[in-house]
Amino acid sequence: MSVREFATQHGLDAQRLYRWRAGLGRAAGAAASAFVEIKPATRPVIEVALRSGHVVSVPDGFSEETLRRVVAVLEGQVERC
């Protein structure tokens, strides 16, 4: 995909991408001027729907005590901090 096509698809200014590419090329040599797609790592997430209508997304390895406190606040069981 060309820089212009990518910019159009993502609502970006093509000239800005060209400037970034030129700057990267000067900073790290010609090989650095190629764009490479980077996908963020995904972690398992649990979504908890509360009676109040709030939805809390909880990452793997969450603190149970912190979740209890957040749920209590959202459900109106304790004063907000």
PDB file of N, CA and C in Angstrom:
ATOM      1  N   MET A   1       0.855  -1.169   0.000  1.00  0.00           N
ATOM      2  CA  MET A   1       0.000   0.000   0.000  1.00  0.00           C
ATOM      3  C   MET A   1       0.900   1.231   0.000  1.00  0.00           C
ATOM      4  N   SER A   2       0.548   2.191  -0.790  1.00  0.00           N
ATOM      5  CA  SER A   2       1.356   3.418  -0.850  1.00  0.00           C
ATOM      6  C   SER A   2       1.093   4.266   0.392  1.00  0.00           C
ATOM      7  N   VAL A   3       1.990   5.214   0.627  1.00  0.00           N
ATOM      8  CA  VAL A   3       1.826   6.123   1.757  1.00  0.00           C
ATOM      9  C   VAL A   3       0.517   6.895   1.599  1.00  0.00           C
ATOM     10  N   ARG A   4       0.241   7.377   0.405  1.00  0.00           N
ATOM     11  CA  ARG A   4      -0.978   8.153   0.158  1.00  0.00           C
ATOM     12  C   ARG A   4      -2.229   7.303   0.416  1.00  0.00           C
ATOM     13  N   GLU A   5      -2.229   6.045  -0.036  1.00  0.00           N
ATOM     14  CA  GLU A   5      -3.375   5.154   0.196  1.00  0.00           C
ATOM     15  C   GLU A   5      -3.578   4.915   1.697  1.00  0.00           C
ATOM     16  N   PHE A   6      -2.472   4.647   2.392  1.00  0.00           N
ATOM     17  CA  PHE A   6      -2.537   4.422   3.836  1.00  0.00           C
ATOM     18  C   PHE A   6      -3.095   5.661   4.540  1.00  0.00           C
ATOM     19  N   ALA A   7      -2.594   6.836   4.177  1.00  0.00           N
ATOM     20  CA  ALA A   7      -3.041   8.077   4.800  1.00  0.00           C
ATOM     21  C   ALA A   7      -4.531   8.289   4.572  1.00  0.00           C
ATOM     22  N   THR A   8      -4.981   8.069   3.364  1.00  0.00           N
ATOM     23  CA  THR A   8      -6.399   8.235   3.038  1.00  0.00           C
ATOM     24  C   THR A   8      -7.251   7.258   3.832  1.00  0.00           C
ATOM     25  N   GLN A   9      -6.831   6.015   3.894  1.00  0.00           N
ATOM     26  CA  GLN A   9      -7.591   4.974   4.599  1.00  0.00           C
ATOM     27  C   GLN A   9      -7.736   5.282   6.079  1.00  0.00           C
ATOM     28  N   HIS A  10      -6.696   5.911   6.680  1.00  0.00           N
ATOM     29  CA  HIS A  10      -6.697   6.154   8.119  1.00  0.00           C
ATOM     30  C   HIS A  10      -6.950   7.610   8.485  1.00  0.00           C
ATOM     31  N   GLY A  11      -7.327   8.430   7.501  1.00  0.00           N
ATOM     32  CA  GLY A  11      -7.646   9.824   7.787  1.00  0.00           C
ATOM     33  C   GLY A  11      -6.455  10.653   8.218  1.00  0.00           C
ATOM     34  N   LEU A  12      -5.278  10.346   7.670  1.00  0.00           N
ATOM     35  CA  LEU A  12      -4.050  11.060   8.022  1.00  0.00           C
ATOM     36  C   LEU A  12      -3.604  11.951   6.879  1.00  0.00           C
ATOM     37  N   ASP A  13      -2.718  12.887   7.183  1.00  0.00           N
ATOM     38  CA  ASP A  13      -2.130  13.756   6.172  1.00  0.00           C
ATOM     39  C   ASP A  13      -0.926  13.039   5.566  1.00  0.00           C
ATOM     40  N   ALA A  14      -0.979  12.755   4.268  1.00  0.00           N
ATOM     41  CA  ALA A  14       0.102  12.025   3.597  1.00  0.00           C
ATOM     42  C   ALA A  14       1.433  12.763   3.713  1.00  0.00           C
ATOM     43  N   GLN A  15       1.402  14.093   3.637  1.00  0.00           N
ATOM     44  CA  GLN A  15       2.652  14.855   3.722  1.00  0.00           C
ATOM     45  C   GLN A  15       3.343  14.654   5.072  1.00  0.00           C
ATOM     46  N   ARG A  16       2.543  14.539   6.130  1.00  0.00           N
ATOM     47  CA  ARG A  16       3.126  14.304   7.455  1.00  0.00           C
ATOM     48  C   ARG A  16       3.830  12.945   7.485  1.00  0.00           C
ATOM     49  N   LEU A  17       3.204  11.927   6.888  1.00  0.00           N
ATOM     50  CA  LEU A  17       3.833  10.599   6.850  1.00  0.00           C
ATOM     51  C   LEU A  17       5.132  10.634   6.044  1.00  0.00           C
ATOM     52  N   TYR A  18       5.138  11.378   4.932  1.00  0.00           N
ATOM     53  CA  TYR A  18       6.364  11.506   4.144  1.00  0.00           C
ATOM     54  C   TYR A  18       7.469  12.179   4.972  1.00  0.00           C
ATOM     55  N   ARG A  19       7.105  13.209   5.749  1.00  0.00           N
ATOM     56  CA  ARG A  19       8.115  13.886   6.594  1.00  0.00           C
ATOM     57  C   ARG A  19       8.644  12.930   7.661  1.00  0.00           C
ATOM     58  N   TRP A  20       7.739  12.153   8.290  1.00  0.00           N
ATOM     59  CA  TRP A  20       8.185  11.182   9.297  1.00  0.00           C
ATOM     60  C   TRP A  20       9.129  10.167   8.680  1.00  0.00           C
ATOM     61  N   ARG A  21       8.773   9.666   7.513  1.00  0.00           N
ATOM     62  CA  ARG A  21       9.597   8.663   6.848  1.00  0.00           C
ATOM     63  C   ARG A  21      10.960   9.238   6.525  1.00  0.00           C
ATOM     64  N   ALA A  22      10.993  10.472   6.035  1.00  0.00           N
ATOM     65  CA  ALA A  22      12.275  11.109   5.713  1.00  0.00           C
ATOM     66  C   ALA A  22      13.107  11.303   6.972  1.00  0.00           C
ATOM     67  N   GLY A  23      12.460  11.728   8.046  1.00  0.00           N
ATOM     68  CA  GLY A  23      13.186  11.929   9.307  1.00  0.00           C
ATOM     69  C   GLY A  23      13.727  10.634   9.873  1.00  0.00           C
ATOM     70  N   LEU A  24      12.936   9.579   9.791  1.00  0.00           N
ATOM     71  CA  LEU A  24      13.408   8.273  10.267  1.00  0.00           C
ATOM     72  C   LEU A  24      14.579   7.778   9.426  1.00  0.00           C
ATOM     73  N   GLY A  25      14.501   8.001   8.133  1.00  0.00           N
ATOM     74  CA  GLY A  25      15.579   7.576   7.245  1.00  0.00           C
ATOM     75  C   GLY A  25      16.880   8.285   7.561  1.00  0.00           C
ATOM     76  N   ARG A  26      16.817   9.586   7.834  1.00  0.00           N
ATOM     77  CA  ARG A  26      18.024  10.342   8.192  1.00  0.00           C
ATOM     78  C   ARG A  26      18.575   9.894   9.529  1.00  0.00           C
ATOM     79  N   ALA A  27      17.687   9.592  10.469  1.00  0.00           N
ATOM     80  CA  ALA A  27      18.116   9.246  11.824  1.00  0.00           C
ATOM     81  C   ALA A  27      18.748   7.865  11.926  1.00  0.00           C
ATOM     82  N   ALA A  28      18.254   6.915  11.126  1.00  0.00           N
ATOM     83  CA  ALA A  28      18.722   5.538  11.303  1.00  0.00           C
ATOM     84  C   ALA A  28      19.195   4.873  10.023  1.00  0.00           C
ATOM     85  N   GLY A  29      19.385   5.612   8.966  1.00  0.00           N
ATOM     86  CA  GLY A  29      19.829   5.017   7.716  1.00  0.00           C
ATOM     87  C   GLY A  29      18.660   4.694   6.813  1.00  0.00           C
ATOM     88  N   ALA A  30      18.934   4.394   5.572  1.00  0.00           N
ATOM     89  CA  ALA A  30      17.901   4.188   4.565  1.00  0.00           C
ATOM     90  C   ALA A  30      16.973   3.016   4.887  1.00  0.00           C
ATOM     91  N   ALA A  31      17.473   1.977   5.526  1.00  0.00           N
ATOM     92  CA  ALA A  31      16.648   0.797   5.797  1.00  0.00           C
ATOM     93  C   ALA A  31      15.506   1.107   6.750  1.00  0.00           C
ATOM     94  N   ALA A  32      15.647   2.146   7.575  1.00  0.00           N
ATOM     95  CA  ALA A  32      14.619   2.472   8.551  1.00  0.00           C
ATOM     96  C   ALA A  32      13.426   3.200   7.938  1.00  0.00           C
ATOM     97  N   SER A  33      13.497   3.561   6.669  1.00  0.00           N
ATOM     98  CA  SER A  33      12.415   4.337   6.078  1.00  0.00           C
ATOM     99  C   SER A  33      11.216   3.487   5.676  1.00  0.00           C
ATOM    100  N   ALA A  34      11.306   2.174   5.763  1.00  0.00           N
ATOM    101  CA  ALA A  34      10.169   1.308   5.431  1.00  0.00           C
ATOM    102  C   ALA A  34       9.203   1.273   6.611  1.00  0.00           C
ATOM    103  N   PHE A  35       7.898   1.325   6.322  1.00  0.00           N
ATOM    104  CA  PHE A  35       6.892   1.221   7.368  1.00  0.00           C
ATOM    105  C   PHE A  35       6.582  -0.252   7.613  1.00  0.00           C
ATOM    106  N   VAL A  36       6.445  -0.613   8.866  1.00  0.00           N
ATOM    107  CA  VAL A  36       6.140  -1.984   9.248  1.00  0.00           C
ATOM    108  C   VAL A  36       4.915  -1.944  10.149  1.00  0.00           C
ATOM    109  N   GLU A  37       3.926  -2.784   9.867  1.00  0.00           N
ATOM    110  CA  GLU A  37       2.730  -2.834  10.698  1.00  0.00           C
ATOM    111  C   GLU A  37       3.068  -3.450  12.045  1.00  0.00           C
ATOM    112  N   ILE A  38       2.619  -2.803  13.096  1.00  0.00           N
ATOM    113  CA  ILE A  38       2.824  -3.297  14.455  1.00  0.00           C
ATOM    114  C   ILE A  38       1.453  -3.506  15.073  1.00  0.00           C
ATOM    115  N   LYS A  39       1.198  -4.717  15.533  1.00  0.00           N
ATOM    116  CA  LYS A  39      -0.078  -5.027  16.174  1.00  0.00           C
ATOM    117  C   LYS A  39       0.155  -5.151  17.669  1.00  0.00           C
ATOM    118  N   PRO A  40      -0.686  -4.488  18.470  1.00  0.00           N
ATOM    119  CA  PRO A  40      -0.507  -4.587  19.921  1.00  0.00           C
ATOM    120  C   PRO A  40      -0.786  -6.004  20.405  1.00  0.00           C
ATOM    121  N   ALA A  41      -0.052  -6.395  21.415  1.00  0.00           N
ATOM    122  CA  ALA A  41      -0.284  -7.707  22.012  1.00  0.00           C
ATOM    123  C   ALA A  41      -1.636  -7.688  22.722  1.00  0.00           C
ATOM    124  N   THR A  42      -2.365  -8.745  22.591  1.00  0.00           N
ATOM    125  CA  THR A  42      -3.662  -8.809  23.254  1.00  0.00           C
ATOM    126  C   THR A  42      -3.554  -9.709  24.473  1.00  0.00           C
ATOM    127  N   ARG A  43      -4.190  -9.277  25.521  1.00  0.00           N
ATOM    128  CA  ARG A  43      -4.213 -10.059  26.744  1.00  0.00           C
ATOM    129  C   ARG A  43      -5.644 -10.488  26.998  1.00  0.00           C
ATOM    130  N   PRO A  44      -5.840 -11.667  27.569  1.00  0.00           N
ATOM    131  CA  PRO A  44      -7.205 -12.093  27.878  1.00  0.00           C
ATOM    132  C   PRO A  44      -7.879 -11.093  28.815  1.00  0.00           C
ATOM    133  N   VAL A  45      -9.125 -10.789  28.547  1.00  0.00           N
ATOM    134  CA  VAL A  45      -9.869  -9.830  29.360  1.00  0.00           C
ATOM    135  C   VAL A  45     -11.232 -10.435  29.701  1.00  0.00           C
ATOM    136  N   ILE A  46     -11.654 -10.206  30.919  1.00  0.00           N
ATOM    137  CA  ILE A  46     -12.978 -10.614  31.369  1.00  0.00           C
ATOM    138  C   ILE A  46     -13.798  -9.330  31.484  1.00  0.00           C
ATOM    139  N   GLU A  47     -15.019  -9.344  30.953  1.00  0.00           N
ATOM    140  CA  GLU A  47     -15.904  -8.198  31.120  1.00  0.00           C
ATOM    141  C   GLU A  47     -16.977  -8.552  32.131  1.00  0.00           C
ATOM    142  N   VAL A  48     -17.134  -7.678  33.116  1.00  0.00           N
ATOM    143  CA  VAL A  48     -18.116  -7.892  34.171  1.00  0.00           C
ATOM    144  C   VAL A  48     -19.203  -6.831  34.018  1.00  0.00           C
ATOM    145  N   ALA A  49     -20.442  -7.266  33.764  1.00  0.00           N
ATOM    146  CA  ALA A  49     -21.574  -6.347  33.648  1.00  0.00           C
ATOM    147  C   ALA A  49     -22.241  -6.238  35.019  1.00  0.00           C
ATOM    148  N   LEU A  50     -22.335  -5.021  35.531  1.00  0.00           N
ATOM    149  CA  LEU A  50     -22.894  -4.793  36.857  1.00  0.00           C
ATOM    150  C   LEU A  50     -24.370  -4.414  36.771  1.00  0.00           C
ATOM    151  N   ARG A  51     -25.098  -4.588  37.874  1.00  0.00           N
ATOM    152  CA  ARG A  51     -26.519  -4.212  37.915  1.00  0.00           C
ATOM    153  C   ARG A  51     -26.720  -2.739  37.610  1.00  0.00           C
ATOM    154  N   SER A  52     -25.729  -1.919  37.936  1.00  0.00           N
ATOM    155  CA  SER A  52     -25.828  -0.472  37.716  1.00  0.00           C
ATOM    156  C   SER A  52     -25.750  -0.107  36.239  1.00  0.00           C
ATOM    157  N   GLY A  53     -25.401  -1.091  35.393  1.00  0.00           N
ATOM    158  CA  GLY A  53     -25.247  -0.826  33.967  1.00  0.00           C
ATOM    159  C   GLY A  53     -23.806  -0.621  33.551  1.00  0.00           C
ATOM    160  N   HIS A  54     -22.920  -0.465  34.512  1.00  0.00           N
ATOM    161  CA  HIS A  54     -21.502  -0.325  34.205  1.00  0.00           C
ATOM    162  C   HIS A  54     -20.934  -1.662  33.728  1.00  0.00           C
ATOM    163  N   VAL A  55     -19.948  -1.588  32.831  1.00  0.00           N
ATOM    164  CA  VAL A  55     -19.229  -2.781  32.392  1.00  0.00           C
ATOM    165  C   VAL A  55     -17.759  -2.549  32.721  1.00  0.00           C
ATOM    166  N   VAL A  56     -17.180  -3.464  33.462  1.00  0.00           N
ATOM    167  CA  VAL A  56     -15.781  -3.359  33.872  1.00  0.00           C
ATOM    168  C   VAL A  56     -14.982  -4.410  33.114  1.00  0.00           C
ATOM    169  N   SER A  57     -13.932  -3.975  32.421  1.00  0.00           N
ATOM    170  CA  SER A  57     -13.029  -4.898  31.723  1.00  0.00           C
ATOM    171  C   SER A  57     -11.854  -5.191  32.639  1.00  0.00           C
ATOM    172  N   VAL A  58     -11.638  -6.459  32.904  1.00  0.00           N
ATOM    173  CA  VAL A  58     -10.625  -6.877  33.869  1.00  0.00           C
ATOM    174  C   VAL A  58      -9.555  -7.698  33.151  1.00  0.00           C
ATOM    175  N   PRO A  59      -8.294  -7.247  33.170  1.00  0.00           N
ATOM    176  CA  PRO A  59      -7.233  -8.006  32.506  1.00  0.00           C
ATOM    177  C   PRO A  59      -6.856  -9.248  33.303  1.00  0.00           C
ATOM    178  N   ASP A  60      -6.230 -10.178  32.630  1.00  0.00           N
ATOM    179  CA  ASP A  60      -5.726 -11.383  33.273  1.00  0.00           C
ATOM    180  C   ASP A  60      -4.740 -10.975  34.375  1.00  0.00           C
ATOM    181  N   GLY A  61      -4.838 -11.578  35.527  1.00  0.00           N
ATOM    182  CA  GLY A  61      -3.914 -11.288  36.619  1.00  0.00           C
ATOM    183  C   GLY A  61      -4.328 -10.090  37.460  1.00  0.00           C
ATOM    184  N   PHE A  62      -5.597  -9.697  37.413  1.00  0.00           N
ATOM    185  CA  PHE A  62      -6.071  -8.528  38.154  1.00  0.00           C
ATOM    186  C   PHE A  62      -6.040  -8.767  39.654  1.00  0.00           C
ATOM    187  N   SER A  63      -6.083  -7.687  40.400  1.00  0.00           N
ATOM    188  CA  SER A  63      -6.144  -7.749  41.860  1.00  0.00           C
ATOM    189  C   SER A  63      -7.610  -7.889  42.266  1.00  0.00           C
ATOM    190  N   GLU A  64      -7.948  -8.981  42.954  1.00  0.00           N
ATOM    191  CA  GLU A  64      -9.334  -9.211  43.362  1.00  0.00           C
ATOM    192  C   GLU A  64      -9.821  -8.121  44.318  1.00  0.00           C
ATOM    193  N   GLU A  65      -8.963  -7.677  45.202  1.00  0.00           N
ATOM    194  CA  GLU A  65      -9.361  -6.637  46.160  1.00  0.00           C
ATOM    195  C   GLU A  65      -9.652  -5.327  45.437  1.00  0.00           C
ATOM    196  N   THR A  66      -8.841  -4.978  44.468  1.00  0.00           N
ATOM    197  CA  THR A  66      -9.083  -3.755  43.696  1.00  0.00           C
ATOM    198  C   THR A  66     -10.408  -3.855  42.946  1.00  0.00           C
ATOM    199  N   LEU A  67     -10.682  -5.009  42.356  1.00  0.00           N
ATOM    200  CA  LEU A  67     -11.950  -5.195  41.644  1.00  0.00           C
ATOM    201  C   LEU A  67     -13.126  -5.051  42.606  1.00  0.00           C
ATOM    202  N   ARG A  68     -13.028  -5.639  43.787  1.00  0.00           N
ATOM    203  CA  ARG A  68     -14.100  -5.517  44.785  1.00  0.00           C
ATOM    204  C   ARG A  68     -14.367  -4.047  45.110  1.00  0.00           C
ATOM    205  N   ARG A  69     -13.294  -3.265  45.288  1.00  0.00           N
ATOM    206  CA  ARG A  69     -13.433  -1.853  45.627  1.00  0.00           C
ATOM    207  C   ARG A  69     -14.063  -1.067  44.482  1.00  0.00           C
ATOM    208  N   VAL A  70     -13.641  -1.350  43.245  1.00  0.00           N
ATOM    209  CA  VAL A  70     -14.203  -0.662  42.079  1.00  0.00           C
ATOM    210  C   VAL A  70     -15.688  -0.981  41.935  1.00  0.00           C
ATOM    211  N   VAL A  71     -16.041  -2.250  42.084  1.00  0.00           N
ATOM    212  CA  VAL A  71     -17.446  -2.658  41.974  1.00  0.00           C
ATOM    213  C   VAL A  71     -18.272  -1.986  43.069  1.00  0.00           C
ATOM    214  N   ALA A  72     -17.760  -1.931  44.274  1.00  0.00           N
ATOM    215  CA  ALA A  72     -18.487  -1.294  45.374  1.00  0.00           C
ATOM    216  C   ALA A  72     -18.757   0.177  45.075  1.00  0.00           C
ATOM    217  N   VAL A  73     -17.791   0.868  44.528  1.00  0.00           N
ATOM    218  CA  VAL A  73     -17.987   2.283  44.177  1.00  0.00           C
ATOM    219  C   VAL A  73     -19.014   2.426  43.071  1.00  0.00           C
ATOM    220  N   LEU A  74     -18.887   1.624  41.996  1.00  0.00           N
ATOM    221  CA  LEU A  74     -19.807   1.723  40.885  1.00  0.00           C
ATOM    222  C   LEU A  74     -21.229   1.341  41.244  1.00  0.00           C
ATOM    223  N   GLU A  75     -21.379   0.421  42.182  1.00  0.00           N
ATOM    224  CA  GLU A  75     -22.716  -0.004  42.622  1.00  0.00           C
ATOM    225  C   GLU A  75     -23.269   0.913  43.702  1.00  0.00           C
ATOM    226  N   GLY A  76     -22.511   1.948  44.092  1.00  0.00           N
ATOM    227  CA  GLY A  76     -22.996   2.914  45.074  1.00  0.00           C
ATOM    228  C   GLY A  76     -22.954   2.407  46.491  1.00  0.00           C
ATOM    229  N   GLN A  77     -22.138   1.400  46.778  1.00  0.00           N
ATOM    230  CA  GLN A  77     -22.074   0.826  48.126  1.00  0.00           C
ATOM    231  C   GLN A  77     -21.113   1.589  49.036  1.00  0.00           C
ATOM    232  N   VAL A  78     -20.219   2.381  48.472  1.00  0.00           N
ATOM    233  CA  VAL A  78     -19.276   3.183  49.258  1.00  0.00           C
ATOM    234  C   VAL A  78     -19.133   4.547  48.595  1.00  0.00           C
ATOM    235  N   GLU A  79     -18.611   5.500  49.371  1.00  0.00           N
ATOM    236  CA  GLU A  79     -18.366   6.845  48.844  1.00  0.00           C
ATOM    237  C   GLU A  79     -17.239   6.803  47.814  1.00  0.00           C
ATOM    238  N   ARG A  80     -17.346   7.654  46.820  1.00  0.00           N
ATOM    239  CA  ARG A  80     -16.284   7.767  45.826  1.00  0.00           C
ATOM    240  C   ARG A  80     -15.063   8.424  46.428  1.00  0.00           C
ATOM    241  N   CYS A  81     -13.900   8.083  45.938  1.00  0.00           N
ATOM    242  CA  CYS A  81     -12.647   8.653  46.446  1.00  0.00           C
ATOM    243  C   CYS A  81     -12.505  10.089  46.040  1.00  0.00           C
TER     244      CYS A  81
END
